[in-house]
Amino acid sequence: GAYNRNQLLAYDEVKMAAMDERSRQSDAMEKGREEGREEGREEGREEGLVKGLAKGREEGLEEGLAKGLAKATVGIAVSALKSGLSPEEISKFTGLPLDEIIRLKEGI
């Protein structure tokens, strides 16, 4: 069979509607993918920021503790020098280099 003009027009309309629907679905899927990618990037940035801040705090705490320990060790060395201990003994007990203890002694 041959189709009449109205049947062919109706077929074309159905075909065009199907193509339009596929195009809308494709556009919606692409929009969804892009929104998903953007959401993923945002989550990644947030996670990176949280991890970075935690690492920064940890490193800062470690650095602060190390500086505090170093300052306390120097204070102990100065007190030991004032008490008459030898630089060699102080170096042995504090772990400070002998030349540093000698410099501390010169500054007292």
C-alpha atoms as a PDB file:
ATOM      1  CA  GLY A   1       0.000   0.000   0.000  1.00  0.00           C
ATOM      2  CA  ALA A   2       0.181   3.468  -0.873  1.00  0.00           C
ATOM      3  CA  TYR A   3      -0.435   6.002   1.830  1.00  0.00           C
ATOM      4  CA  ASN A   4      -2.561   9.051   1.273  1.00  0.00           C
ATOM      5  CA  ARG A   5      -1.391  12.560   1.948  1.00  0.00           C
ATOM      6  CA  ASN A   6      -3.079  12.834   5.373  1.00  0.00           C
ATOM      7  CA  GLN A   7      -1.531   9.559   6.523  1.00  0.00           C
ATOM      8  CA  LEU A   8       1.909  10.702   5.405  1.00  0.00           C
ATOM      9  CA  LEU A   9       1.459  14.055   7.191  1.00  0.00           C
ATOM     10  CA  ALA A  10       0.294  12.266  10.351  1.00  0.00           C
ATOM     11  CA  TYR A  11       3.311   9.930  10.120  1.00  0.00           C
ATOM     12  CA  ASP A  12       5.637  12.917   9.717  1.00  0.00           C
ATOM     13  CA  GLU A  13       4.040  14.623  12.736  1.00  0.00           C
ATOM     14  CA  VAL A  14       4.496  11.510  14.893  1.00  0.00           C
ATOM     15  CA  LYS A  15       8.057  11.124  13.645  1.00  0.00           C
ATOM     16  CA  MET A  16       8.845  14.807  14.364  1.00  0.00           C
ATOM     17  CA  ALA A  17       7.240  14.556  17.830  1.00  0.00           C
ATOM     18  CA  ALA A  18       9.365  11.484  18.585  1.00  0.00           C
ATOM     19  CA  MET A  19      12.494  13.256  17.398  1.00  0.00           C
ATOM     20  CA  ASP A  20      11.624  16.329  19.476  1.00  0.00           C
ATOM     21  CA  GLU A  21      11.042  14.115  22.513  1.00  0.00           C
ATOM     22  CA  ARG A  22      14.389  12.364  22.007  1.00  0.00           C
ATOM     23  CA  SER A  23      16.058  15.748  21.643  1.00  0.00           C
ATOM     24  CA  ARG A  24      14.439  17.001  24.879  1.00  0.00           C
ATOM     25  CA  GLN A  25      15.492  13.812  26.666  1.00  0.00           C
ATOM     26  CA  SER A  26      19.022  14.148  25.343  1.00  0.00           C
ATOM     27  CA  ASP A  27      19.158  17.800  26.430  1.00  0.00           C
ATOM     28  CA  ALA A  28      17.757  16.895  29.853  1.00  0.00           C
ATOM     29  CA  MET A  29      20.307  14.098  30.250  1.00  0.00           C
ATOM     30  CA  GLU A  30      23.163  16.397  29.263  1.00  0.00           C
ATOM     31  CA  LYS A  31      21.899  19.048  31.681  1.00  0.00           C
ATOM     32  CA  GLY A  32      21.681  16.392  34.400  1.00  0.00           C
ATOM     33  CA  ARG A  33      25.200  15.195  33.668  1.00  0.00           C
ATOM     34  CA  GLU A  34      26.553  18.747  33.814  1.00  0.00           C
ATOM     35  CA  GLU A  35      24.709  19.432  37.078  1.00  0.00           C
ATOM     36  CA  GLY A  36      26.108  16.164  38.452  1.00  0.00           C
ATOM     37  CA  ARG A  37      29.631  17.074  37.383  1.00  0.00           C
ATOM     38  CA  GLU A  38      29.296  20.524  38.957  1.00  0.00           C
ATOM     39  CA  GLU A  39      27.917  18.996  42.160  1.00  0.00           C
ATOM     40  CA  GLY A  40      30.819  16.535  42.192  1.00  0.00           C
ATOM     41  CA  ARG A  41      33.344  19.325  41.678  1.00  0.00           C
ATOM     42  CA  GLU A  42      31.768  21.339  44.502  1.00  0.00           C
ATOM     43  CA  GLU A  43      31.823  18.322  46.838  1.00  0.00           C
ATOM     44  CA  GLY A  44      35.450  17.708  45.868  1.00  0.00           C
ATOM     45  CA  ARG A  45      36.377  21.313  46.630  1.00  0.00           C
ATOM     46  CA  GLU A  46      34.609  21.145  49.999  1.00  0.00           C
ATOM     47  CA  GLU A  47      36.266  17.836  50.879  1.00  0.00           C
ATOM     48  CA  GLY A  48      39.654  19.197  49.813  1.00  0.00           C
ATOM     49  CA  LEU A  49      39.151  22.305  51.936  1.00  0.00           C
ATOM     50  CA  VAL A  50      38.184  20.256  54.993  1.00  0.00           C
ATOM     51  CA  LYS A  51      41.175  17.939  54.557  1.00  0.00           C
ATOM     52  CA  GLY A  52      43.495  20.880  53.916  1.00  0.00           C
ATOM     53  CA  LEU A  53      42.327  22.704  57.042  1.00  0.00           C
ATOM     54  CA  ALA A  54      42.706  19.564  59.153  1.00  0.00           C
ATOM     55  CA  LYS A  55      46.211  18.959  57.814  1.00  0.00           C
ATOM     56  CA  GLY A  56      47.115  22.613  58.380  1.00  0.00           C
ATOM     57  CA  ARG A  57      45.890  22.461  61.973  1.00  0.00           C
ATOM     58  CA  GLU A  58      47.809  19.239  62.554  1.00  0.00           C
ATOM     59  CA  GLU A  59      51.009  20.664  61.081  1.00  0.00           C
ATOM     60  CA  GLY A  60      50.555  23.892  63.043  1.00  0.00           C
ATOM     61  CA  LEU A  61      50.074  21.971  66.271  1.00  0.00           C
ATOM     62  CA  GLU A  62      53.150  19.846  65.583  1.00  0.00           C
ATOM     63  CA  GLU A  63      55.201  22.943  64.795  1.00  0.00           C
ATOM     64  CA  GLY A  64      53.953  24.698  67.921  1.00  0.00           C
ATOM     65  CA  LEU A  65      54.752  21.700  70.092  1.00  0.00           C
ATOM     66  CA  ALA A  66      58.227  21.415  68.569  1.00  0.00           C
ATOM     67  CA  LYS A  67      58.913  25.121  69.178  1.00  0.00           C
ATOM     68  CA  GLY A  68      57.611  24.853  72.731  1.00  0.00           C
ATOM     69  CA  LEU A  69      59.758  21.809  73.425  1.00  0.00           C
ATOM     70  CA  ALA A  70      62.827  23.520  71.959  1.00  0.00           C
ATOM     71  CA  LYS A  71      62.217  26.615  74.090  1.00  0.00           C
ATOM     72  CA  ALA A  72      61.749  24.492  77.216  1.00  0.00           C
ATOM     73  CA  THR A  73      64.925  22.532  76.466  1.00  0.00           C
ATOM     74  CA  VAL A  74      66.922  25.746  76.109  1.00  0.00           C
ATOM     75  CA  GLY A  75      65.426  26.982  79.389  1.00  0.00           C
ATOM     76  CA  ILE A  76      66.488  23.771  81.117  1.00  0.00           C
ATOM     77  CA  ALA A  77      69.990  24.106  79.666  1.00  0.00           C
ATOM     78  CA  VAL A  78      70.290  27.700  80.929  1.00  0.00           C
ATOM     79  CA  SER A  79      69.093  26.653  84.399  1.00  0.00           C
ATOM     80  CA  ALA A  80      71.556  23.756  84.407  1.00  0.00           C
ATOM     81  CA  LEU A  81      74.395  26.092  83.398  1.00  0.00           C
ATOM     82  CA  LYS A  82      73.477  28.467  86.224  1.00  0.00           C
ATOM     83  CA  SER A  83      73.496  25.484  88.598  1.00  0.00           C
ATOM     84  CA  GLY A  84      77.069  24.684  87.569  1.00  0.00           C
ATOM     85  CA  LEU A  85      76.622  21.636  85.359  1.00  0.00           C
ATOM     86  CA  SER A  86      79.172  21.315  82.585  1.00  0.00           C
ATOM     87  CA  PRO A  87      78.150  21.996  78.973  1.00  0.00           C
ATOM     88  CA  GLU A  88      79.050  18.382  78.145  1.00  0.00           C
ATOM     89  CA  GLU A  89      76.667  17.022  80.794  1.00  0.00           C
ATOM     90  CA  ILE A  90      73.903  19.373  79.688  1.00  0.00           C
ATOM     91  CA  SER A  91      74.378  18.316  76.064  1.00  0.00           C
ATOM     92  CA  LYS A  92      74.174  14.674  77.099  1.00  0.00           C
ATOM     93  CA  PHE A  93      70.906  15.156  79.047  1.00  0.00           C
ATOM     94  CA  THR A  94      69.128  17.653  76.768  1.00  0.00           C
ATOM     95  CA  GLY A  95      70.301  16.450  73.374  1.00  0.00           C
ATOM     96  CA  LEU A  96      71.310  20.011  72.472  1.00  0.00           C
ATOM     97  CA  PRO A  97      74.554  20.368  70.502  1.00  0.00           C
ATOM     98  CA  LEU A  98      77.563  21.258  72.646  1.00  0.00           C
ATOM     99  CA  ASP A  99      78.302  24.413  70.609  1.00  0.00           C
ATOM    100  CA  GLU A 100      74.752  25.688  71.280  1.00  0.00           C
ATOM    101  CA  ILE A 101      75.182  25.157  75.028  1.00  0.00           C
ATOM    102  CA  ILE A 102      78.519  26.989  74.930  1.00  0.00           C
ATOM    103  CA  ARG A 103      76.796  29.920  73.148  1.00  0.00           C
ATOM    104  CA  LEU A 104      74.099  29.888  75.845  1.00  0.00           C
ATOM    105  CA  LYS A 105      76.789  29.919  78.555  1.00  0.00           C
ATOM    106  CA  GLU A 106      78.465  32.921  76.915  1.00  0.00           C
ATOM    107  CA  GLY A 107      75.121  34.756  76.980  1.00  0.00           C
ATOM    108  CA  ILE A 108      74.558  34.275  80.709  1.00  0.00           C
END
